[in-house]
Structures are given as structure tokens and as C-alpha cells.
Amino acid sequence: MSIVTVRVDRELKKRMDRLRHVNWSEVIRRALAERIALEESLSSLRTIDVRRLGEAIRDQDRLRSKTTGKWSGAEEIRKWRDLRR
């Protein structure tokens, strides 16, 4: 096994010392493994499909051109928020 050093502040260390029955190395190993699994699963979601992004940009531009000067998103949001009161 490799060694990894983790720094904690004094107060946290005091609290850890009060819980001597806890295997802190195991807690940290599990936390690291869980975080790595999470990051690896999210990395596939972060991959950008450039083709789909281009299509979305073109759609957005097309829709914006139809509403320029005629409709304001901010005004529409304000209208609906005011109606809730």
C-alpha cells in the first residue's frame, strides 16, 4: 500500500482522538474510493457532444431571431411572478 498524508486542524484531531474505536485510515480510504467512483461516473456526463452543442446553439439563435424586439424573457418571468402574489 501507498502512504497518503492528510492534514486536519487541531480541533478535528481532538475529536478524532475521542473516537479511538474508529479506524480513521479505513474511513478515509472508503471516502476516497467513493469520491473517485462519483467523479468517474460524472466524467462521462461532462463529455461534450460538439455536434449536439452546435445544433443547440443554432436552435437557440433561430428561436432568438424570431422573438427579437417582440418578447422579453425577463418581462415574462416578472409577469408570472407577480401573478403568484
PDB file of N, CA and C in Angstrom:
ATOM      1  N   MET A   1       0.834  -1.187   0.000  1.00  0.00           N
ATOM      2  CA  MET A   1       0.000   0.000   0.000  1.00  0.00           C
ATOM      3  C   MET A   1       0.869   1.237   0.000  1.00  0.00           C
ATOM      4  N   SER A   2       0.318   2.291  -0.572  1.00  0.00           N
ATOM      5  CA  SER A   2       0.997   3.592  -0.564  1.00  0.00           C
ATOM      6  C   SER A   2       0.558   4.384   0.647  1.00  0.00           C
ATOM      7  N   ILE A   3       1.321   5.389   0.974  1.00  0.00           N
ATOM      8  CA  ILE A   3       1.001   6.253   2.108  1.00  0.00           C
ATOM      9  C   ILE A   3       0.573   7.611   1.574  1.00  0.00           C
ATOM     10  N   VAL A   4      -0.535   8.100   2.110  1.00  0.00           N
ATOM     11  CA  VAL A   4      -1.046   9.430   1.789  1.00  0.00           C
ATOM     12  C   VAL A   4      -1.188  10.169   3.109  1.00  0.00           C
ATOM     13  N   THR A   5      -0.688  11.383   3.164  1.00  0.00           N
ATOM     14  CA  THR A   5      -0.769  12.183   4.382  1.00  0.00           C
ATOM     15  C   THR A   5      -1.934  13.156   4.258  1.00  0.00           C
ATOM     16  N   VAL A   6      -2.726  13.226   5.314  1.00  0.00           N
ATOM     17  CA  VAL A   6      -3.871  14.136   5.342  1.00  0.00           C
ATOM     18  C   VAL A   6      -3.707  15.059   6.533  1.00  0.00           C
ATOM     19  N   ARG A   7      -3.868  16.348   6.312  1.00  0.00           N
ATOM     20  CA  ARG A   7      -3.772  17.313   7.405  1.00  0.00           C
ATOM     21  C   ARG A   7      -5.176  17.703   7.851  1.00  0.00           C
ATOM     22  N   VAL A   8      -5.343  17.745   9.169  1.00  0.00           N
ATOM     23  CA  VAL A   8      -6.604  18.205   9.748  1.00  0.00           C
ATOM     24  C   VAL A   8      -6.267  19.225  10.825  1.00  0.00           C
ATOM     25  N   ASP A   9      -7.220  20.099  11.109  1.00  0.00           N
ATOM     26  CA  ASP A   9      -6.942  21.102  12.142  1.00  0.00           C
ATOM     27  C   ASP A   9      -6.962  20.454  13.534  1.00  0.00           C
ATOM     28  N   ARG A  10      -6.455  21.158  14.498  1.00  0.00           N
ATOM     29  CA  ARG A  10      -6.299  20.611  15.854  1.00  0.00           C
ATOM     30  C   ARG A  10      -7.621  20.162  16.465  1.00  0.00           C
ATOM     31  N   GLU A  11      -8.645  20.974  16.283  1.00  0.00           N
ATOM     32  CA  GLU A  11      -9.944  20.643  16.863  1.00  0.00           C
ATOM     33  C   GLU A  11     -10.489  19.337  16.287  1.00  0.00           C
ATOM     34  N   LEU A  12     -10.380  19.167  14.985  1.00  0.00           N
ATOM     35  CA  LEU A  12     -10.847  17.929  14.368  1.00  0.00           C
ATOM     36  C   LEU A  12     -10.036  16.736  14.872  1.00  0.00           C
ATOM     37  N   LYS A  13      -8.729  16.922  15.021  1.00  0.00           N
ATOM     38  CA  LYS A  13      -7.875  15.845  15.525  1.00  0.00           C
ATOM     39  C   LYS A  13      -8.270  15.470  16.950  1.00  0.00           C
ATOM     40  N   LYS A  14      -8.584  16.451  17.778  1.00  0.00           N
ATOM     41  CA  LYS A  14      -9.029  16.170  19.148  1.00  0.00           C
ATOM     42  C   LYS A  14     -10.309  15.338  19.131  1.00  0.00           C
ATOM     43  N   ARG A  15     -11.219  15.704  18.260  1.00  0.00           N
ATOM     44  CA  ARG A  15     -12.477  14.967  18.154  1.00  0.00           C
ATOM     45  C   ARG A  15     -12.237  13.552  17.657  1.00  0.00           C
ATOM     46  N   MET A  16     -11.324  13.402  16.714  1.00  0.00           N
ATOM     47  CA  MET A  16     -10.979  12.060  16.228  1.00  0.00           C
ATOM     48  C   MET A  16     -10.372  11.221  17.348  1.00  0.00           C
ATOM     49  N   ASP A  17      -9.519  11.847  18.169  1.00  0.00           N
ATOM     50  CA  ASP A  17      -8.864  11.136  19.269  1.00  0.00           C
ATOM     51  C   ASP A  17      -9.871  10.630  20.295  1.00  0.00           C
ATOM     52  N   ARG A  18     -10.975  11.343  20.459  1.00  0.00           N
ATOM     53  CA  ARG A  18     -12.014  10.907  21.397  1.00  0.00           C
ATOM     54  C   ARG A  18     -12.735   9.655  20.892  1.00  0.00           C
ATOM     55  N   LEU A  19     -12.641   9.409  19.607  1.00  0.00           N
ATOM     56  CA  LEU A  19     -13.310   8.254  19.000  1.00  0.00           C
ATOM     57  C   LEU A  19     -12.266   7.228  18.574  1.00  0.00           C
ATOM     58  N   ARG A  20     -11.503   6.774  19.511  1.00  0.00           N
ATOM     59  CA  ARG A  20     -10.375   5.870  19.235  1.00  0.00           C
ATOM     60  C   ARG A  20     -10.808   4.547  18.607  1.00  0.00           C
ATOM     61  N   HIS A  21     -12.055   4.151  18.792  1.00  0.00           N
ATOM     62  CA  HIS A  21     -12.523   2.890  18.238  1.00  0.00           C
ATOM     63  C   HIS A  21     -12.697   2.936  16.717  1.00  0.00           C
ATOM     64  N   VAL A  22     -12.686   4.139  16.148  1.00  0.00           N
ATOM     65  CA  VAL A  22     -12.872   4.301  14.700  1.00  0.00           C
ATOM     66  C   VAL A  22     -11.538   4.132  13.998  1.00  0.00           C
ATOM     67  N   ASN A  23     -11.531   3.323  12.953  1.00  0.00           N
ATOM     68  CA  ASN A  23     -10.334   3.143  12.132  1.00  0.00           C
ATOM     69  C   ASN A  23     -10.332   4.265  11.084  1.00  0.00           C
ATOM     70  N   TRP A  24      -9.679   5.367  11.416  1.00  0.00           N
ATOM     71  CA  TRP A  24      -9.716   6.551  10.554  1.00  0.00           C
ATOM     72  C   TRP A  24      -9.083   6.298   9.204  1.00  0.00           C
ATOM     73  N   SER A  25      -8.081   5.450   9.137  1.00  0.00           N
ATOM     74  CA  SER A  25      -7.476   5.122   7.841  1.00  0.00           C
ATOM     75  C   SER A  25      -8.506   4.468   6.926  1.00  0.00           C
ATOM     76  N   GLU A  26      -9.306   3.576   7.494  1.00  0.00           N
ATOM     77  CA  GLU A  26     -10.336   2.906   6.703  1.00  0.00           C
ATOM     78  C   GLU A  26     -11.428   3.890   6.280  1.00  0.00           C
ATOM     79  N   VAL A  27     -11.798   4.783   7.176  1.00  0.00           N
ATOM     80  CA  VAL A  27     -12.803   5.807   6.857  1.00  0.00           C
ATOM     81  C   VAL A  27     -12.317   6.643   5.677  1.00  0.00           C
ATOM     82  N   ILE A  28     -11.079   7.069   5.726  1.00  0.00           N
ATOM     83  CA  ILE A  28     -10.529   7.908   4.659  1.00  0.00           C
ATOM     84  C   ILE A  28     -10.412   7.107   3.360  1.00  0.00           C
ATOM     85  N   ARG A  29      -9.976   5.849   3.437  1.00  0.00           N
ATOM     86  CA  ARG A  29      -9.892   5.012   2.227  1.00  0.00           C
ATOM     87  C   ARG A  29     -11.247   4.884   1.556  1.00  0.00           C
ATOM     88  N   ARG A  30     -12.274   4.609   2.351  1.00  0.00           N
ATOM     89  CA  ARG A  30     -13.626   4.462   1.784  1.00  0.00           C
ATOM     90  C   ARG A  30     -14.132   5.776   1.192  1.00  0.00           C
ATOM     91  N   ALA A  31     -13.883   6.867   1.903  1.00  0.00           N
ATOM     92  CA  ALA A  31     -14.326   8.171   1.400  1.00  0.00           C
ATOM     93  C   ALA A  31     -13.650   8.492   0.073  1.00  0.00           C
ATOM     94  N   LEU A  32     -12.358   8.200  -0.010  1.00  0.00           N
ATOM     95  CA  LEU A  32     -11.634   8.448  -1.261  1.00  0.00           C
ATOM     96  C   LEU A  32     -12.168   7.578  -2.384  1.00  0.00           C
ATOM     97  N   ALA A  33     -12.409   6.304  -2.101  1.00  0.00           N
ATOM     98  CA  ALA A  33     -12.927   5.386  -3.123  1.00  0.00           C
ATOM     99  C   ALA A  33     -14.298   5.834  -3.614  1.00  0.00           C
ATOM    100  N   GLU A  34     -15.165   6.266  -2.675  1.00  0.00           N
ATOM    101  CA  GLU A  34     -16.492   6.748  -3.067  1.00  0.00           C
ATOM    102  C   GLU A  34     -16.397   7.997  -3.925  1.00  0.00           C
ATOM    103  N   ARG A  35     -15.507   8.911  -3.546  1.00  0.00           N
ATOM    104  CA  ARG A  35     -15.369  10.154  -4.315  1.00  0.00           C
ATOM    105  C   ARG A  35     -14.833   9.877  -5.711  1.00  0.00           C
ATOM    106  N   ILE A  36     -13.867   8.967  -5.799  1.00  0.00           N
ATOM    107  CA  ILE A  36     -13.312   8.612  -7.107  1.00  0.00           C
ATOM    108  C   ILE A  36     -14.396   7.998  -7.983  1.00  0.00           C
ATOM    109  N   ALA A  37     -15.197   7.096  -7.421  1.00  0.00           N
ATOM    110  CA  ALA A  37     -16.288   6.481  -8.187  1.00  0.00           C
ATOM    111  C   ALA A  37     -17.275   7.537  -8.666  1.00  0.00           C
ATOM    112  N   LEU A  38     -17.606   8.490  -7.800  1.00  0.00           N
ATOM    113  CA  LEU A  38     -18.515   9.566  -8.178  1.00  0.00           C
ATOM    114  C   LEU A  38     -17.935  10.403  -9.306  1.00  0.00           C
ATOM    115  N   GLU A  39     -16.688  10.818  -9.157  1.00  0.00           N
ATOM    116  CA  GLU A  39     -16.049  11.646 -10.187  1.00  0.00           C
ATOM    117  C   GLU A  39     -15.958  10.905 -11.516  1.00  0.00           C
ATOM    118  N   GLU A  40     -15.649   9.609 -11.464  1.00  0.00           N
ATOM    119  CA  GLU A  40     -15.555   8.826 -12.699  1.00  0.00           C
ATOM    120  C   GLU A  40     -16.917   8.694 -13.365  1.00  0.00           C
ATOM    121  N   SER A  41     -17.977   8.531 -12.574  1.00  0.00           N
ATOM    122  CA  SER A  41     -19.311   8.430 -13.173  1.00  0.00           C
ATOM    123  C   SER A  41     -19.752   9.777 -13.740  1.00  0.00           C
ATOM    124  N   LEU A  42     -19.351  10.869 -13.091  1.00  0.00           N
ATOM    125  CA  LEU A  42     -19.717  12.195 -13.587  1.00  0.00           C
ATOM    126  C   LEU A  42     -18.912  12.591 -14.818  1.00  0.00           C
ATOM    127  N   SER A  43     -17.709  12.047 -14.942  1.00  0.00           N
ATOM    128  CA  SER A  43     -16.869  12.438 -16.072  1.00  0.00           C
ATOM    129  C   SER A  43     -17.530  12.078 -17.396  1.00  0.00           C
ATOM    130  N   SER A  44     -18.288  10.983 -17.430  1.00  0.00           N
ATOM    131  CA  SER A  44     -18.977  10.634 -18.667  1.00  0.00           C
ATOM    132  C   SER A  44     -20.085  11.636 -18.970  1.00  0.00           C
ATOM    133  N   LEU A  45     -20.669  12.224 -17.930  1.00  0.00           N
ATOM    134  CA  LEU A  45     -21.707  13.236 -18.138  1.00  0.00           C
ATOM    135  C   LEU A  45     -21.115  14.561 -18.586  1.00  0.00           C
ATOM    136  N   ARG A  46     -19.861  14.796 -18.240  1.00  0.00           N
ATOM    137  CA  ARG A  46     -19.214  16.067 -18.579  1.00  0.00           C
ATOM    138  C   ARG A  46     -18.706  16.100 -20.019  1.00  0.00           C
ATOM    139  N   THR A  47     -18.688  14.957 -20.679  1.00  0.00           N
ATOM    140  CA  THR A  47     -18.198  14.906 -22.043  1.00  0.00           C
ATOM    141  C   THR A  47     -19.158  15.687 -22.938  1.00  0.00           C
ATOM    142  N   ILE A  48     -18.635  16.602 -23.687  1.00  0.00           N
ATOM    143  CA  ILE A  48     -19.463  17.454 -24.538  1.00  0.00           C
ATOM    144  C   ILE A  48     -19.544  16.854 -25.942  1.00  0.00           C
ATOM    145  N   ASP A  49     -20.771  16.664 -26.391  1.00  0.00           N
ATOM    146  CA  ASP A  49     -21.006  16.227 -27.758  1.00  0.00           C
ATOM    147  C   ASP A  49     -21.037  17.498 -28.612  1.00  0.00           C
ATOM    148  N   VAL A  50     -19.944  17.766 -29.296  1.00  0.00           N
ATOM    149  CA  VAL A  50     -19.784  19.024 -30.026  1.00  0.00           C
ATOM    150  C   VAL A  50     -20.861  19.176 -31.103  1.00  0.00           C
ATOM    151  N   ARG A  51     -21.241  18.087 -31.737  1.00  0.00           N
ATOM    152  CA  ARG A  51     -22.275  18.155 -32.772  1.00  0.00           C
ATOM    153  C   ARG A  51     -23.606  18.606 -32.163  1.00  0.00           C
ATOM    154  N   ARG A  52     -23.991  17.983 -31.046  1.00  0.00           N
ATOM    155  CA  ARG A  52     -25.254  18.350 -30.400  1.00  0.00           C
ATOM    156  C   ARG A  52     -25.199  19.768 -29.844  1.00  0.00           C
ATOM    157  N   LEU A  53     -24.041  20.172 -29.357  1.00  0.00           N
ATOM    158  CA  LEU A  53     -23.884  21.530 -28.861  1.00  0.00           C
ATOM    159  C   LEU A  53     -24.096  22.530 -29.994  1.00  0.00           C
ATOM    160  N   GLY A  54     -23.521  22.249 -31.150  1.00  0.00           N
ATOM    161  CA  GLY A  54     -23.703  23.122 -32.309  1.00  0.00           C
ATOM    162  C   GLY A  54     -25.160  23.219 -32.721  1.00  0.00           C
ATOM    163  N   GLU A  55     -25.861  22.090 -32.700  1.00  0.00           N
ATOM    164  CA  GLU A  55     -27.286  22.093 -33.033  1.00  0.00           C
ATOM    165  C   GLU A  55     -28.074  22.936 -32.037  1.00  0.00           C
ATOM    166  N   ALA A  56     -27.744  22.806 -30.760  1.00  0.00           N
ATOM    167  CA  ALA A  56     -28.440  23.568 -29.730  1.00  0.00           C
ATOM    168  C   ALA A  56     -28.209  25.066 -29.905  1.00  0.00           C
ATOM    169  N   ILE A  57     -26.991  25.437 -30.238  1.00  0.00           N
ATOM    170  CA  ILE A  57     -26.674  26.854 -30.455  1.00  0.00           C
ATOM    171  C   ILE A  57     -27.450  27.392 -31.648  1.00  0.00           C
ATOM    172  N   ARG A  58     -27.485  26.617 -32.728  1.00  0.00           N
ATOM    173  CA  ARG A  58     -28.238  27.056 -33.913  1.00  0.00           C
ATOM    174  C   ARG A  58     -29.731  27.185 -33.599  1.00  0.00           C
ATOM    175  N   ASP A  59     -30.286  26.226 -32.844  1.00  0.00           N
ATOM    176  CA  ASP A  59     -31.701  26.302 -32.464  1.00  0.00           C
ATOM    177  C   ASP A  59     -31.963  27.542 -31.614  1.00  0.00           C
ATOM    178  N   GLN A  60     -31.065  27.785 -30.666  1.00  0.00           N
ATOM    179  CA  GLN A  60     -31.222  28.949 -29.797  1.00  0.00           C
ATOM    180  C   GLN A  60     -31.184  30.241 -30.615  1.00  0.00           C
ATOM    181  N   ASP A  61     -30.242  30.338 -31.538  1.00  0.00           N
ATOM    182  CA  ASP A  61     -30.139  31.533 -32.372  1.00  0.00           C
ATOM    183  C   ASP A  61     -31.385  31.697 -33.237  1.00  0.00           C
ATOM    184  N   ARG A  62     -31.895  30.586 -33.773  1.00  0.00           N
ATOM    185  CA  ARG A  62     -33.087  30.634 -34.627  1.00  0.00           C
ATOM    186  C   ARG A  62     -34.290  31.127 -33.811  1.00  0.00           C
ATOM    187  N   LEU A  63     -34.455  30.585 -32.617  1.00  0.00           N
ATOM    188  CA  LEU A  63     -35.577  30.997 -31.781  1.00  0.00           C
ATOM    189  C   LEU A  63     -35.436  32.443 -31.324  1.00  0.00           C
ATOM    190  N   ARG A  64     -34.203  32.849 -31.000  1.00  0.00           N
ATOM    191  CA  ARG A  64     -33.982  34.226 -30.571  1.00  0.00           C
ATOM    192  C   ARG A  64     -34.331  35.202 -31.689  1.00  0.00           C
ATOM    193  N   SER A  65     -33.974  34.856 -32.918  1.00  0.00           N
ATOM    194  CA  SER A  65     -34.231  35.766 -34.033  1.00  0.00           C
ATOM    195  C   SER A  65     -35.729  35.967 -34.256  1.00  0.00           C
ATOM    196  N   LYS A  66     -36.533  34.987 -33.904  1.00  0.00           N
ATOM    197  CA  LYS A  66     -37.984  35.118 -34.061  1.00  0.00           C
ATOM    198  C   LYS A  66     -38.604  36.029 -33.006  1.00  0.00           C
ATOM    199  N   THR A  67     -37.944  36.185 -31.887  1.00  0.00           N
ATOM    200  CA  THR A  67     -38.543  36.951 -30.792  1.00  0.00           C
ATOM    201  C   THR A  67     -37.873  38.291 -30.541  1.00  0.00           C
ATOM    202  N   THR A  68     -36.810  38.593 -31.256  1.00  0.00           N
ATOM    203  CA  THR A  68     -36.071  39.823 -31.010  1.00  0.00           C
ATOM    204  C   THR A  68     -36.993  41.031 -31.122  1.00  0.00           C
ATOM    205  N   GLY A  69     -37.039  41.803 -30.049  1.00  0.00           N
ATOM    206  CA  GLY A  69     -37.845  43.016 -30.044  1.00  0.00           C
ATOM    207  C   GLY A  69     -39.305  42.783 -29.731  1.00  0.00           C
ATOM    208  N   LYS A  70     -39.769  41.555 -29.777  1.00  0.00           N
ATOM    209  CA  LYS A  70     -41.184  41.278 -29.566  1.00  0.00           C
ATOM    210  C   LYS A  70     -41.475  40.717 -28.178  1.00  0.00           C
ATOM    211  N   TRP A  71     -40.495  40.073 -27.598  1.00  0.00           N
ATOM    212  CA  TRP A  71     -40.728  39.345 -26.356  1.00  0.00           C
ATOM    213  C   TRP A  71     -39.517  39.477 -25.465  1.00  0.00           C
ATOM    214  N   SER A  72     -39.751  39.637 -24.183  1.00  0.00           N
ATOM    215  CA  SER A  72     -38.663  39.745 -23.235  1.00  0.00           C
ATOM    216  C   SER A  72     -38.822  38.650 -22.179  1.00  0.00           C
ATOM    217  N   GLY A  73     -37.830  37.803 -22.092  1.00  0.00           N
ATOM    218  CA  GLY A  73     -37.869  36.737 -21.107  1.00  0.00           C
ATOM    219  C   GLY A  73     -37.961  37.283 -19.695  1.00  0.00           C
ATOM    220  N   ALA A  74     -37.212  38.347 -19.417  1.00  0.00           N
ATOM    221  CA  ALA A  74     -37.234  38.953 -18.083  1.00  0.00           C
ATOM    222  C   ALA A  74     -38.630  39.493 -17.754  1.00  0.00           C
ATOM    223  N   GLU A  75     -39.276  40.119 -18.733  1.00  0.00           N
ATOM    224  CA  GLU A  75     -40.623  40.646 -18.512  1.00  0.00           C
ATOM    225  C   GLU A  75     -41.626  39.521 -18.290  1.00  0.00           C
ATOM    226  N   GLU A  76     -41.454  38.440 -19.022  1.00  0.00           N
ATOM    227  CA  GLU A  76     -42.351  37.289 -18.883  1.00  0.00           C
ATOM    228  C   GLU A  76     -42.213  36.663 -17.495  1.00  0.00           C
ATOM    229  N   ILE A  77     -41.003  36.510 -17.027  1.00  0.00           N
ATOM    230  CA  ILE A  77     -40.764  35.961 -15.690  1.00  0.00           C
ATOM    231  C   ILE A  77     -41.380  36.869 -14.640  1.00  0.00           C
ATOM    232  N   ARG A  78     -41.163  38.169 -14.774  1.00  0.00           N
ATOM    233  CA  ARG A  78     -41.731  39.126 -13.823  1.00  0.00           C
ATOM    234  C   ARG A  78     -43.249  39.024 -13.814  1.00  0.00           C
ATOM    235  N   LYS A  79     -43.872  38.910 -14.990  1.00  0.00           N
ATOM    236  CA  LYS A  79     -45.325  38.810 -15.092  1.00  0.00           C
ATOM    237  C   LYS A  79     -45.835  37.604 -14.302  1.00  0.00           C
ATOM    238  N   TRP A  80     -45.241  36.456 -14.501  1.00  0.00           N
ATOM    239  CA  TRP A  80     -45.692  35.237 -13.827  1.00  0.00           C
ATOM    240  C   TRP A  80     -45.406  35.281 -12.336  1.00  0.00           C
ATOM    241  N   ARG A  81     -44.302  35.883 -11.935  1.00  0.00           N
ATOM    242  CA  ARG A  81     -44.025  36.020 -10.501  1.00  0.00           C
ATOM    243  C   ARG A  81     -45.049  36.935  -9.847  1.00  0.00           C
ATOM    244  N   ASP A  82     -45.402  38.016 -10.539  1.00  0.00           N
ATOM    245  CA  ASP A  82     -46.389  38.952  -9.988  1.00  0.00           C
ATOM    246  C   ASP A  82     -47.766  38.293  -9.870  1.00  0.00           C
ATOM    247  N   LEU A  83     -48.099  37.401 -10.792  1.00  0.00           N
ATOM    248  CA  LEU A  83     -49.391  36.734 -10.751  1.00  0.00           C
ATOM    249  C   LEU A  83     -49.519  35.784  -9.553  1.00  0.00           C
ATOM    250  N   ARG A  84     -48.393  35.296  -9.058  1.00  0.00           N
ATOM    251  CA  ARG A  84     -48.408  34.364  -7.920  1.00  0.00           C
ATOM    252  C   ARG A  84     -48.742  35.061  -6.605  1.00  0.00           C
ATOM    253  N   ARG A  85     -48.579  36.340  -6.564  1.00  0.00           N
ATOM    254  CA  ARG A  85     -48.779  37.080  -5.299  1.00  0.00           C
ATOM    255  C   ARG A  85     -50.221  37.228  -4.943  1.00  0.00           C
TER     256      ARG A  85
END
